[in-house]
Every structure is written in structure tokens, then in C-alpha cells.
C-alpha atoms as a PDB file:
ATOM      1  CA  UNK A   1      24.945  66.519  35.032  1.00  0.00           C
ATOM      2  CA  UNK A   2      27.419  69.370  34.625  1.00  0.00           C
ATOM      3  CA  UNK A   3      28.110  69.284  38.345  1.00  0.00           C
ATOM      4  CA  UNK A   4      28.939  65.510  38.157  1.00  0.00           C
ATOM      5  CA  UNK A   5      31.312  66.043  35.251  1.00  0.00           C
ATOM      6  CA  UNK A   6      33.013  68.807  37.191  1.00  0.00           C
ATOM      7  CA  UNK A   7      33.530  66.646  40.293  1.00  0.00           C
ATOM      8  CA  UNK A   8      34.728  63.774  38.122  1.00  0.00           C
ATOM      9  CA  UNK A   9      37.368  66.091  36.591  1.00  0.00           C
ATOM     10  CA  UNK A  10      38.404  67.234  40.110  1.00  0.00           C
ATOM     11  CA  UNK A  11      38.818  63.655  41.246  1.00  0.00           C
ATOM     12  CA  UNK A  12      40.770  62.694  38.095  1.00  0.00           C
ATOM     13  CA  UNK A  13      43.135  65.643  38.273  1.00  0.00           C
ATOM     14  CA  UNK A  14      43.685  65.050  42.012  1.00  0.00           C
ATOM     15  CA  UNK A  15      44.454  61.375  41.357  1.00  0.00           C
ATOM     16  CA  UNK A  16      46.963  62.310  38.663  1.00  0.00           C
ATOM     17  CA  UNK A  17      48.665  64.849  40.981  1.00  0.00           C
ATOM     18  CA  UNK A  18      48.895  62.307  43.785  1.00  0.00           C
ATOM     19  CA  UNK A  19      50.344  59.653  41.440  1.00  0.00           C
ATOM     20  CA  UNK A  20      52.974  62.064  40.074  1.00  0.00           C
ATOM     21  CA  UNK A  21      53.862  63.244  43.548  1.00  0.00           C
ATOM     22  CA  UNK A  22      54.341  59.707  44.711  1.00  0.00           C
ATOM     23  CA  UNK A  23      56.519  58.895  41.760  1.00  0.00           C
ATOM     24  CA  UNK A  24      58.744  61.930  42.370  1.00  0.00           C
ATOM     25  CA  UNK A  25      59.121  60.952  46.081  1.00  0.00           C
ATOM     26  CA  UNK A  26      59.769  57.271  45.260  1.00  0.00           C
ATOM     27  CA  UNK A  27      62.260  57.924  42.415  1.00  0.00           C
ATOM     28  CA  UNK A  28      63.885  61.279  43.245  1.00  0.00           C
ATOM     29  CA  UNK A  29      67.139  60.643  41.476  1.00  0.00           C
ATOM     30  CA  UNK A  30      65.531  59.553  38.230  1.00  0.00           C
ATOM     31  CA  UNK A  31      63.045  62.513  38.243  1.00  0.00           C
ATOM     32  CA  UNK A  32      65.858  64.955  39.045  1.00  0.00           C
ATOM     33  CA  UNK A  33      67.841  63.638  36.019  1.00  0.00           C
ATOM     34  CA  UNK A  34      64.877  64.041  33.720  1.00  0.00           C
ATOM     35  CA  UNK A  35      63.966  67.525  34.967  1.00  0.00           C
ATOM     36  CA  UNK A  36      67.633  68.562  34.646  1.00  0.00           C
ATOM     37  CA  UNK A  37      67.639  67.363  31.064  1.00  0.00           C
ATOM     38  CA  UNK A  38      64.704  69.554  30.243  1.00  0.00           C
ATOM     39  CA  UNK A  39      66.307  72.427  31.987  1.00  0.00           C
ATOM     40  CA  UNK A  40      69.594  71.852  29.973  1.00  0.00           C
ATOM     41  CA  UNK A  41      67.639  71.697  26.716  1.00  0.00           C
ATOM     42  CA  UNK A  42      65.907  75.040  27.525  1.00  0.00           C
ATOM     43  CA  UNK A  43      69.155  76.789  28.622  1.00  0.00           C
ATOM     44  CA  UNK A  44      71.442  75.390  25.944  1.00  0.00           C
ATOM     45  CA  UNK A  45      69.052  75.184  22.940  1.00  0.00           C
ATOM     46  CA  UNK A  46      66.027  77.332  23.357  1.00  0.00           C
ATOM     47  CA  UNK A  47      67.369  80.505  24.983  1.00  0.00           C
ATOM     48  CA  UNK A  48      70.222  81.193  22.578  1.00  0.00           C
ATOM     49  CA  UNK A  49      68.358  80.261  19.478  1.00  0.00           C
ATOM     50  CA  UNK A  50      64.869  81.638  20.266  1.00  0.00           C
ATOM     51  CA  UNK A  51      65.219  84.578  22.651  1.00  0.00           C
ATOM     52  CA  UNK A  52      67.008  86.991  20.242  1.00  0.00           C
ATOM     53  CA  UNK A  53      64.393  86.297  17.569  1.00  0.00           C
ATOM     54  CA  UNK A  54      61.627  87.008  20.092  1.00  0.00           C
ATOM     55  CA  UNK A  55      63.170  90.350  20.974  1.00  0.00           C
ATOM     56  CA  UNK A  56      63.851  91.403  17.462  1.00  0.00           C
ATOM     57  CA  UNK A  57      60.392  90.378  16.236  1.00  0.00           C
ATOM     58  CA  UNK A  58      58.807  92.178  19.091  1.00  0.00           C
ATOM     59  CA  UNK A  59      60.567  95.439  18.121  1.00  0.00           C
ATOM     60  CA  UNK A  60      59.609  95.049  14.454  1.00  0.00           C
ATOM     61  CA  UNK A  61      55.926  94.477  15.330  1.00  0.00           C
ATOM     62  CA  UNK A  62      55.735  97.262  17.888  1.00  0.00           C
ATOM     63  CA  UNK A  63      57.345  99.768  15.550  1.00  0.00           C
ATOM     64  CA  UNK A  64      55.050  98.811  12.609  1.00  0.00           C
ATOM     65  CA  UNK A  65      58.008  97.626  10.502  1.00  0.00           C
ATOM     66  CA  UNK A  66      56.509  94.358   9.366  1.00  0.00           C
ATOM     67  CA  UNK A  67      55.674  95.664   5.901  1.00  0.00           C
ATOM     68  CA  UNK A  68      59.259  96.880   5.306  1.00  0.00           C
ATOM     69  CA  UNK A  69      60.754  93.656   6.629  1.00  0.00           C
ATOM     70  CA  UNK A  70      58.980  91.482   4.078  1.00  0.00           C
ATOM     71  CA  UNK A  71      59.094  94.022   1.247  1.00  0.00           C
ATOM     72  CA  UNK A  72      61.151  91.667  -0.917  1.00  0.00           C
ATOM     73  CA  UNK A  73      59.052  88.604  -0.361  1.00  0.00           C
ATOM     74  CA  UNK A  74      55.624  90.300  -0.432  1.00  0.00           C
ATOM     75  CA  UNK A  75      55.336  90.523  -4.242  1.00  0.00           C
ATOM     76  CA  UNK A  76      55.561  86.681  -4.346  1.00  0.00           C
ATOM     77  CA  UNK A  77      53.887  85.528  -1.141  1.00  0.00           C
ATOM     78  CA  UNK A  78      51.393  88.310  -1.064  1.00  0.00           C
ATOM     79  CA  UNK A  79      50.141  87.319  -4.480  1.00  0.00           C
ATOM     80  CA  UNK A  80      50.133  83.585  -3.703  1.00  0.00           C
ATOM     81  CA  UNK A  81      48.201  83.964  -0.359  1.00  0.00           C
ATOM     82  CA  UNK A  82      46.428  87.252  -1.225  1.00  0.00           C
ATOM     83  CA  UNK A  83      47.140  88.554   2.238  1.00  0.00           C
ATOM     84  CA  UNK A  84      48.548  91.768   3.656  1.00  0.00           C
ATOM     85  CA  UNK A  85      52.088  92.432   4.641  1.00  0.00           C
ATOM     86  CA  UNK A  86      51.694  91.734   8.429  1.00  0.00           C
ATOM     87  CA  UNK A  87      50.334  88.298   7.579  1.00  0.00           C
ATOM     88  CA  UNK A  88      53.231  87.619   5.191  1.00  0.00           C
ATOM     89  CA  UNK A  89      55.548  88.620   8.070  1.00  0.00           C
ATOM     90  CA  UNK A  90      53.887  86.034  10.237  1.00  0.00           C
ATOM     91  CA  UNK A  91      54.313  83.419   7.599  1.00  0.00           C
ATOM     92  CA  UNK A  92      57.996  84.218   6.979  1.00  0.00           C
ATOM     93  CA  UNK A  93      58.882  84.343  10.753  1.00  0.00           C
ATOM     94  CA  UNK A  94      56.796  81.222  11.456  1.00  0.00           C
ATOM     95  CA  UNK A  95      58.573  79.112   8.852  1.00  0.00           C
ATOM     96  CA  UNK A  96      62.108  80.457   9.265  1.00  0.00           C
ATOM     97  CA  UNK A  97      62.307  80.766  13.112  1.00  0.00           C
ATOM     98  CA  UNK A  98      60.073  77.779  13.857  1.00  0.00           C
ATOM     99  CA  UNK A  99      58.002  76.783  16.855  1.00  0.00           C
ATOM    100  CA  UNK A 100      56.825  78.545  18.990  1.00  0.00           C
ATOM    101  CA  UNK A 101      57.660  81.728  17.171  1.00  0.00           C
ATOM    102  CA  UNK A 102      54.776  81.144  14.734  1.00  0.00           C
ATOM    103  CA  UNK A 103      52.275  81.284  17.595  1.00  0.00           C
ATOM    104  CA  UNK A 104      54.226  84.039  19.384  1.00  0.00           C
ATOM    105  CA  UNK A 105      54.317  86.367  16.373  1.00  0.00           C
ATOM    106  CA  UNK A 106      50.664  85.614  15.365  1.00  0.00           C
ATOM    107  CA  UNK A 107      49.485  86.472  18.879  1.00  0.00           C
ATOM    108  CA  UNK A 108      51.579  89.691  18.884  1.00  0.00           C
ATOM    109  CA  UNK A 109      50.331  90.761  15.529  1.00  0.00           C
ATOM    110  CA  UNK A 110      46.698  90.169  16.622  1.00  0.00           C
ATOM    111  CA  UNK A 111      47.179  91.926  20.001  1.00  0.00           C
ATOM    112  CA  UNK A 112      48.675  94.914  18.236  1.00  0.00           C
ATOM    113  CA  UNK A 113      45.666  94.937  16.002  1.00  0.00           C
ATOM    114  CA  UNK A 114      47.766  94.542  12.798  1.00  0.00           C
ATOM    115  CA  UNK A 115      45.808  91.475  11.629  1.00  0.00           C
ATOM    116  CA  UNK A 116      42.211  90.298  12.095  1.00  0.00           C
ATOM    117  CA  UNK A 117      41.056  87.316  14.092  1.00  0.00           C
ATOM    118  CA  UNK A 118      40.426  85.341  10.843  1.00  0.00           C
ATOM    119  CA  UNK A 119      43.891  86.096   9.621  1.00  0.00           C
ATOM    120  CA  UNK A 120      45.385  85.118  13.018  1.00  0.00           C
ATOM    121  CA  UNK A 121      43.455  81.837  12.944  1.00  0.00           C
ATOM    122  CA  UNK A 122      44.802  81.115   9.438  1.00  0.00           C
ATOM    123  CA  UNK A 123      48.430  81.814  10.385  1.00  0.00           C
ATOM    124  CA  UNK A 124      48.199  79.740  13.564  1.00  0.00           C
ATOM    125  CA  UNK A 125      46.844  76.774  11.607  1.00  0.00           C
ATOM    126  CA  UNK A 126      49.970  76.272   9.445  1.00  0.00           C
ATOM    127  CA  UNK A 127      52.860  78.547  10.470  1.00  0.00           C
ATOM    128  CA  UNK A 128      53.758  77.188  13.953  1.00  0.00           C
ATOM    129  CA  UNK A 129      56.139  74.334  12.883  1.00  0.00           C
ATOM    130  CA  UNK A 130      59.506  72.955  13.908  1.00  0.00           C
ATOM    131  CA  UNK A 131      62.286  75.381  12.801  1.00  0.00           C
ATOM    132  CA  UNK A 132      64.484  74.418   9.772  1.00  0.00           C
ATOM    133  CA  UNK A 133      67.736  75.024  11.726  1.00  0.00           C
ATOM    134  CA  UNK A 134      66.531  72.606  14.385  1.00  0.00           C
ATOM    135  CA  UNK A 135      65.263  70.154  11.812  1.00  0.00           C
ATOM    136  CA  UNK A 136      68.483  70.125   9.739  1.00  0.00           C
ATOM    137  CA  UNK A 137      71.033  70.347  12.528  1.00  0.00           C
ATOM    138  CA  UNK A 138      69.333  68.021  15.065  1.00  0.00           C
ATOM    139  CA  UNK A 139      66.465  65.951  13.773  1.00  0.00           C
ATOM    140  CA  UNK A 140      67.886  64.561  10.501  1.00  0.00           C
ATOM    141  CA  UNK A 141      71.343  63.714  12.013  1.00  0.00           C
ATOM    142  CA  UNK A 142      69.653  62.110  15.087  1.00  0.00           C
ATOM    143  CA  UNK A 143      67.476  59.972  12.805  1.00  0.00           C
ATOM    144  CA  UNK A 144      70.513  59.116  10.541  1.00  0.00           C
ATOM    145  CA  UNK A 145      68.705  60.271   7.464  1.00  0.00           C
ATOM    146  CA  UNK A 146      70.918  61.103   4.476  1.00  0.00           C
ATOM    147  CA  UNK A 147      68.328  62.493   1.966  1.00  0.00           C
ATOM    148  CA  UNK A 148      67.116  66.042   2.642  1.00  0.00           C
ATOM    149  CA  UNK A 149      64.578  67.279   0.062  1.00  0.00           C
ATOM    150  CA  UNK A 150      61.839  64.599   0.707  1.00  0.00           C
ATOM    151  CA  UNK A 151      61.928  65.315   4.429  1.00  0.00           C
ATOM    152  CA  UNK A 152      62.140  69.103   3.985  1.00  0.00           C
ATOM    153  CA  UNK A 153      59.030  69.006   1.799  1.00  0.00           C
ATOM    154  CA  UNK A 154      57.254  66.735   4.277  1.00  0.00           C
ATOM    155  CA  UNK A 155      58.105  69.198   7.162  1.00  0.00           C
ATOM    156  CA  UNK A 156      57.470  72.487   5.337  1.00  0.00           C
ATOM    157  CA  UNK A 157      55.969  71.981   1.883  1.00  0.00           C
ATOM    158  CA  UNK A 158      52.961  70.145   3.271  1.00  0.00           C
ATOM    159  CA  UNK A 159      52.094  72.856   5.776  1.00  0.00           C
ATOM    160  CA  UNK A 160      52.606  75.489   3.064  1.00  0.00           C
ATOM    161  CA  UNK A 161      50.197  73.747   0.718  1.00  0.00           C
ATOM    162  CA  UNK A 162      47.728  73.186   3.621  1.00  0.00           C
ATOM    163  CA  UNK A 163      47.901  76.922   4.336  1.00  0.00           C
ATOM    164  CA  UNK A 164      47.046  77.712   0.726  1.00  0.00           C
ATOM    165  CA  UNK A 165      44.061  75.315   0.930  1.00  0.00           C
ATOM    166  CA  UNK A 166      42.859  76.920   4.129  1.00  0.00           C
ATOM    167  CA  UNK A 167      43.280  80.460   2.705  1.00  0.00           C
ATOM    168  CA  UNK A 168      41.070  79.935  -0.244  1.00  0.00           C
ATOM    169  CA  UNK A 169      38.768  77.156   0.862  1.00  0.00           C
ATOM    170  CA  UNK A 170      38.202  77.761   4.617  1.00  0.00           C
ATOM    171  CA  UNK A 171      39.095  81.248   5.661  1.00  0.00           C
ATOM    172  CA  UNK A 172      38.900  82.913   2.271  1.00  0.00           C
ATOM    173  CA  UNK A 173      35.287  84.216   2.561  1.00  0.00           C
ATOM    174  CA  UNK A 174      35.738  85.714   6.064  1.00  0.00           C
ATOM    175  CA  UNK A 175      39.098  87.305   5.282  1.00  0.00           C
ATOM    176  CA  UNK A 176      37.900  88.814   2.050  1.00  0.00           C
ATOM    177  CA  UNK A 177      34.754  90.157   3.687  1.00  0.00           C
ATOM    178  CA  UNK A 178      36.942  91.808   6.337  1.00  0.00           C
ATOM    179  CA  UNK A 179      38.925  93.524   3.674  1.00  0.00           C
ATOM    180  CA  UNK A 180      35.840  94.752   1.927  1.00  0.00           C
ATOM    181  CA  UNK A 181      34.338  96.196   5.149  1.00  0.00           C
ATOM    182  CA  UNK A 182      37.454  98.186   5.918  1.00  0.00           C
ATOM    183  CA  UNK A 183      38.182  99.011   2.308  1.00  0.00           C
ATOM    184  CA  UNK A 184      41.648  97.499   2.796  1.00  0.00           C
ATOM    185  CA  UNK A 185      42.499 100.005   5.467  1.00  0.00           C
ATOM    186  CA  UNK A 186      43.414  98.429   8.849  1.00  0.00           C
ATOM    187  CA  UNK A 187      43.938 100.655  11.840  1.00  0.00           C
ATOM    188  CA  UNK A 188      47.645 101.103  12.782  1.00  0.00           C
ATOM    189  CA  UNK A 189      48.620 101.809  16.329  1.00  0.00           C
ATOM    190  CA  UNK A 190      51.128 104.644  16.894  1.00  0.00           C
ATOM    191  CA  UNK A 191      54.646 103.246  16.983  1.00  0.00           C
ATOM    192  CA  UNK A 192      56.666 103.824  20.181  1.00  0.00           C
ATOM    193  CA  UNK A 193      60.255 104.989  20.028  1.00  0.00           C
ATOM    194  CA  UNK A 194      63.050 102.384  19.724  1.00  0.00           C
ATOM    195  CA  UNK A 195      63.983 102.319  23.414  1.00  0.00           C
ATOM    196  CA  UNK A 196      60.386 101.831  24.456  1.00  0.00           C
ATOM    197  CA  UNK A 197      59.819  99.080  21.912  1.00  0.00           C
ATOM    198  CA  UNK A 198      63.116  97.464  22.971  1.00  0.00           C
ATOM    199  CA  UNK A 199      62.145  97.582  26.697  1.00  0.00           C
ATOM    200  CA  UNK A 200      58.650  96.196  26.100  1.00  0.00           C
ATOM    201  CA  UNK A 201      59.941  93.461  23.737  1.00  0.00           C
ATOM    202  CA  UNK A 202      62.718  92.305  26.155  1.00  0.00           C
ATOM    203  CA  UNK A 203      60.271  92.136  29.069  1.00  0.00           C
ATOM    204  CA  UNK A 204      57.669  90.237  27.135  1.00  0.00           C
ATOM    205  CA  UNK A 205      60.279  87.905  25.594  1.00  0.00           C
ATOM    206  CA  UNK A 206      61.788  87.100  29.025  1.00  0.00           C
ATOM    207  CA  UNK A 207      58.349  86.314  30.371  1.00  0.00           C
ATOM    208  CA  UNK A 208      57.554  84.041  27.401  1.00  0.00           C
ATOM    209  CA  UNK A 209      60.915  82.228  27.364  1.00  0.00           C
ATOM    210  CA  UNK A 210      60.695  81.578  31.104  1.00  0.00           C
ATOM    211  CA  UNK A 211      57.225  79.947  30.586  1.00  0.00           C
ATOM    212  CA  UNK A 212      58.535  77.734  27.775  1.00  0.00           C
ATOM    213  CA  UNK A 213      61.365  76.601  30.060  1.00  0.00           C
ATOM    214  CA  UNK A 214      58.902  75.548  32.717  1.00  0.00           C
ATOM    215  CA  UNK A 215      56.998  73.528  30.174  1.00  0.00           C
ATOM    216  CA  UNK A 216      60.122  71.821  28.959  1.00  0.00           C
ATOM    217  CA  UNK A 217      61.161  70.877  32.510  1.00  0.00           C
ATOM    218  CA  UNK A 218      57.708  69.582  33.380  1.00  0.00           C
ATOM    219  CA  UNK A 219      57.106  67.524  30.237  1.00  0.00           C
ATOM    220  CA  UNK A 220      60.626  66.012  30.386  1.00  0.00           C
ATOM    221  CA  UNK A 221      59.867  65.052  33.953  1.00  0.00           C
ATOM    222  CA  UNK A 222      56.860  63.104  32.724  1.00  0.00           C
ATOM    223  CA  UNK A 223      59.245  60.792  30.779  1.00  0.00           C
ATOM    224  CA  UNK A 224      59.531  58.914  34.060  1.00  0.00           C
ATOM    225  CA  UNK A 225      56.081  57.404  33.508  1.00  0.00           C
ATOM    226  CA  UNK A 226      56.812  55.425  30.253  1.00  0.00           C
ATOM    227  CA  UNK A 227      60.270  54.612  31.607  1.00  0.00           C
ATOM    228  CA  UNK A 228      58.911  53.043  34.814  1.00  0.00           C
ATOM    229  CA  UNK A 229      56.189  51.269  32.740  1.00  0.00           C
ATOM    230  CA  UNK A 230      58.878  49.691  30.529  1.00  0.00           C
ATOM    231  CA  UNK A 231      60.881  48.642  33.654  1.00  0.00           C
ATOM    232  CA  UNK A 232      57.807  47.184  35.384  1.00  0.00           C
ATOM    233  CA  UNK A 233      57.197  44.854  32.412  1.00  0.00           C
ATOM    234  CA  UNK A 234      60.914  44.018  32.093  1.00  0.00           C
ATOM    235  CA  UNK A 235      60.974  44.836  28.427  1.00  0.00           C
ATOM    236  CA  UNK A 236      64.071  44.197  26.281  1.00  0.00           C
ATOM    237  CA  UNK A 237      66.339  47.207  25.978  1.00  0.00           C
ATOM    238  CA  UNK A 238      65.496  47.949  22.314  1.00  0.00           C
ATOM    239  CA  UNK A 239      61.761  47.676  22.847  1.00  0.00           C
ATOM    240  CA  UNK A 240      62.024  49.715  26.116  1.00  0.00           C
ATOM    241  CA  UNK A 241      63.869  52.469  24.214  1.00  0.00           C
ATOM    242  CA  UNK A 242      61.329  52.487  21.380  1.00  0.00           C
ATOM    243  CA  UNK A 243      58.325  52.655  23.732  1.00  0.00           C
ATOM    244  CA  UNK A 244      59.929  55.295  25.999  1.00  0.00           C
ATOM    245  CA  UNK A 245      61.128  57.374  23.098  1.00  0.00           C
ATOM    246  CA  UNK A 246      57.807  57.159  21.208  1.00  0.00           C
ATOM    247  CA  UNK A 247      55.895  58.206  24.339  1.00  0.00           C
ATOM    248  CA  UNK A 248      58.577  60.885  24.860  1.00  0.00           C
ATOM    249  CA  UNK A 249      58.028  62.364  21.432  1.00  0.00           C
ATOM    250  CA  UNK A 250      54.322  62.711  22.198  1.00  0.00           C
ATOM    251  CA  UNK A 251      55.212  64.461  25.417  1.00  0.00           C
ATOM    252  CA  UNK A 252      58.254  66.643  24.520  1.00  0.00           C
ATOM    253  CA  UNK A 253      59.690  66.162  21.036  1.00  0.00           C
ATOM    254  CA  UNK A 254      63.386  66.985  21.667  1.00  0.00           C
ATOM    255  CA  UNK A 255      63.773  64.732  24.649  1.00  0.00           C
ATOM    256  CA  UNK A 256      61.877  61.967  22.883  1.00  0.00           C
ATOM    257  CA  UNK A 257      64.122  62.150  19.739  1.00  0.00           C
ATOM    258  CA  UNK A 258      67.160  61.990  22.029  1.00  0.00           C
ATOM    259  CA  UNK A 259      65.924  58.619  23.371  1.00  0.00           C
ATOM    260  CA  UNK A 260      64.466  56.969  20.218  1.00  0.00           C
ATOM    261  CA  UNK A 261      67.232  58.267  17.883  1.00  0.00           C
ATOM    262  CA  UNK A 262      67.314  56.352  14.601  1.00  0.00           C
ATOM    263  CA  UNK A 263      65.287  53.240  15.720  1.00  0.00           C
ATOM    264  CA  UNK A 264      62.026  54.554  14.225  1.00  0.00           C
ATOM    265  CA  UNK A 265      62.790  57.600  11.920  1.00  0.00           C
ATOM    266  CA  UNK A 266      59.478  57.700  10.055  1.00  0.00           C
ATOM    267  CA  UNK A 267      57.483  57.528  13.330  1.00  0.00           C
ATOM    268  CA  UNK A 268      59.367  60.589  14.519  1.00  0.00           C
ATOM    269  CA  UNK A 269      58.870  62.395  11.183  1.00  0.00           C
ATOM    270  CA  UNK A 270      55.090  61.769  11.449  1.00  0.00           C
ATOM    271  CA  UNK A 271      54.980  63.047  14.997  1.00  0.00           C
ATOM    272  CA  UNK A 272      56.921  66.185  14.273  1.00  0.00           C
ATOM    273  CA  UNK A 273      54.021  68.096  12.656  1.00  0.00           C
ATOM    274  CA  UNK A 274      51.943  67.445  15.747  1.00  0.00           C
ATOM    275  CA  UNK A 275      54.745  68.586  17.999  1.00  0.00           C
ATOM    276  CA  UNK A 276      53.774  66.771  21.187  1.00  0.00           C
ATOM    277  CA  UNK A 277      51.804  67.834  24.292  1.00  0.00           C
ATOM    278  CA  UNK A 278      54.629  70.228  25.330  1.00  0.00           C
ATOM    279  CA  UNK A 279      54.312  72.174  22.085  1.00  0.00           C
ATOM    280  CA  UNK A 280      50.561  72.395  22.444  1.00  0.00           C
ATOM    281  CA  UNK A 281      50.866  73.679  26.018  1.00  0.00           C
ATOM    282  CA  UNK A 282      53.548  76.197  24.933  1.00  0.00           C
ATOM    283  CA  UNK A 283      51.324  77.353  22.062  1.00  0.00           C
ATOM    284  CA  UNK A 284      48.500  77.874  24.466  1.00  0.00           C
ATOM    285  CA  UNK A 285      50.801  79.935  26.650  1.00  0.00           C
ATOM    286  CA  UNK A 286      51.530  82.144  23.653  1.00  0.00           C
ATOM    287  CA  UNK A 287      47.885  82.770  22.643  1.00  0.00           C
ATOM    288  CA  UNK A 288      45.993  82.489  25.996  1.00  0.00           C
ATOM    289  CA  UNK A 289      45.652  86.320  26.292  1.00  0.00           C
ATOM    290  CA  UNK A 290      43.753  86.371  22.949  1.00  0.00           C
ATOM    291  CA  UNK A 291      40.495  84.739  21.861  1.00  0.00           C
ATOM    292  CA  UNK A 292      42.261  82.357  19.420  1.00  0.00           C
ATOM    293  CA  UNK A 293      41.253  78.793  19.852  1.00  0.00           C
ATOM    294  CA  UNK A 294      43.890  76.203  20.958  1.00  0.00           C
ATOM    295  CA  UNK A 295      41.321  73.553  20.104  1.00  0.00           C
ATOM    296  CA  UNK A 296      41.166  74.671  16.554  1.00  0.00           C
ATOM    297  CA  UNK A 297      44.984  74.730  16.461  1.00  0.00           C
ATOM    298  CA  UNK A 298      45.130  71.108  17.744  1.00  0.00           C
ATOM    299  CA  UNK A 299      42.631  70.139  15.103  1.00  0.00           C
ATOM    300  CA  UNK A 300      44.789  71.515  12.273  1.00  0.00           C
ATOM    301  CA  UNK A 301      47.854  69.847  13.735  1.00  0.00           C
ATOM    302  CA  UNK A 302      46.101  66.500  13.730  1.00  0.00           C
ATOM    303  CA  UNK A 303      45.062  67.006  10.110  1.00  0.00           C
ATOM    304  CA  UNK A 304      48.615  67.923   9.192  1.00  0.00           C
ATOM    305  CA  UNK A 305      49.839  64.824  10.972  1.00  0.00           C
ATOM    306  CA  UNK A 306      47.460  62.666   9.052  1.00  0.00           C
ATOM    307  CA  UNK A 307      48.574  64.252   5.751  1.00  0.00           C
ATOM    308  CA  UNK A 308      52.188  63.618   6.679  1.00  0.00           C
ATOM    309  CA  UNK A 309      51.558  60.000   7.489  1.00  0.00           C
ATOM    310  CA  UNK A 310      49.906  59.558   4.056  1.00  0.00           C
ATOM    311  CA  UNK A 311      52.814  61.365   2.384  1.00  0.00           C
ATOM    312  CA  UNK A 312      55.484  59.060   3.839  1.00  0.00           C
ATOM    313  CA  UNK A 313      53.415  55.950   3.186  1.00  0.00           C
ATOM    314  CA  UNK A 314      53.106  57.014  -0.460  1.00  0.00           C
ATOM    315  CA  UNK A 315      56.873  57.697  -0.788  1.00  0.00           C
ATOM    316  CA  UNK A 316      57.762  54.317   0.673  1.00  0.00           C
ATOM    317  CA  UNK A 317      55.075  52.548  -1.448  1.00  0.00           C
ATOM    318  CA  UNK A 318      56.586  54.255  -4.575  1.00  0.00           C
ATOM    319  CA  UNK A 319      60.056  53.231  -3.461  1.00  0.00           C
ATOM    320  CA  UNK A 320      61.202  56.842  -3.258  1.00  0.00           C
ATOM    321  CA  UNK A 321      62.332  56.144   0.335  1.00  0.00           C
ATOM    322  CA  UNK A 322      63.807  52.899   1.842  1.00  0.00           C
END
């Protein structure tokens, strides 16, 4: 039975590869344009906004400076979550710097043995979200949304509350047991000097940012499939844009928003917590050298998406939103 399933998978993946190759050869100009759009998004948006944070965060983690970095916020967040300072650092960076820094920092903290597997699983479940700068400067203007607070709460307040629920109701027992076994003392690796930490951080960040660029190019290229489907059925322009943009958001969120724009703002807001297949693939690339589960991550993203859908339906029903 397992052998049959294996061969079915091989045939299925081979079929998909052949179809995509045929599409690229049949529509080279269109595919080139889509791939170039993904490359431009990576070069113009992701590298300048994400790479410096990756390098700086890598230095802070390698030099065991996470506790000092969150010293001001720890009295508040530490008491709310009842977590140690490296975990609070992961929460702060995950929420402020945005995706995929949440997964990147969580994996680094775990690999550097500054947090346990249970703590890493908790952080990964709710800290890997769209960044606030991206959300405020790109998403809300693209969707032509004037109000800010309801959407900020939907984007960040809900994951924060979900993280609190997970901390005390799901992961609380395992995390607390881990603290008791070690009497609160976690092993700390010797910190390298600044130049060594900088060199290692730059190398790792370049490797990570290059992989993210490859994912953005590939998933933007896949936009050709919903676009060709809409053309095949000769759909009206507005319907074609809606279908292509919606499918695009599920593939790669930035490119999808660029297509759908303000034609379905609440649909986009409900897809944002999930992040799209590109975000899932990029998250996997951040954690694949650890034993953290990408399946568990996807499950939490789906739960957050369902909570977000309910949140916006409730706001519209109560006439808080048009």
C-alpha cells in the first residue's frame, strides 16, 4: 500500500512538473513578466527591509544579548506570558519585524539552545505574522481602508491573545515542567566575539534571504495558472481580476494584493494570517534544520485564519465596519 502511494505521488509530481514546463514554454513572455515581478518584490521590498534585521538579530542571539535587548519590555511581557527573556525577544522581534523573522528568530534561538522545543513551538505558533510596517504602508493603502485600529487588532491583537491561550492551555504544562527540571537554569553557549558573530550572521542571513527570493520568484510565476484559467473561460475583467488576485493571495500574498487591490478587502484581511503557500514554504526553509513541525505551524495558521474570519464577520454584523 505504501509503495502504491509513493508511486502515485511520483506520477502526480511528474505530471505537475510537465504541465508547468509546458506552460513556461508556451507562454514565455507572460511567465518572464511574472517571475520578474517576484524578483523585483524581493530586491526592492524584502532585501532592504528584512536583511538588516536578520543580521542584527543574528548578532544579538549569538552574543547572548537577548535578555538585555528586551530588558524594558520583560517586566510586562514576561509576567503576562510567564516566559524567559529569550522567548520574550522572539515575541518582540516576531511582531515588530514580521514574517519570516518570527520563524527565523525562533529557529535561531532553538538552534543556539537558548529556548526549549516547547517554547520554540509556542513562539512559532503565533509570532510569525505580517510585519506592521508592511501592513500599514502597503496592505491598508492597497485595500483603500481608512480605519486603522480594527484592522491592527485583527492582524496582531488576535495572534497575541491566541498566544496567551496556547501558553496556558496547550503548552503550559510542558514548558513549566521543563523549567522545574532545570530549576530555571538553561545552558548558555559561550558568546563569540563581535567580528565572529557578525561574520556568521551575515553569512547565514545572505543564505536565508537568497532562499526567500527564490520562493518569491517561483510562487509569483505560478500566478500564470489562475491567469490562464480566467482567460480560457473568457471571464469579465473584474471577475478575472478577483479570481486571479484571490488565487494569487493564496500563492504569494504581496503579488496577490497587487492584483486584487481594493475589490475584496475583507477577503485579503482574512487570508493575511494564513500568509499563503509562499509564506509556508519560506517558514519551512527557516526551520527545516530543526525538529520543529511545519504541519503544526500550518494548523495554527488555519486556526488563526478561522478566528480572523469570525472576528470580521462579527464586526460587520455589529455595524462596526461597512
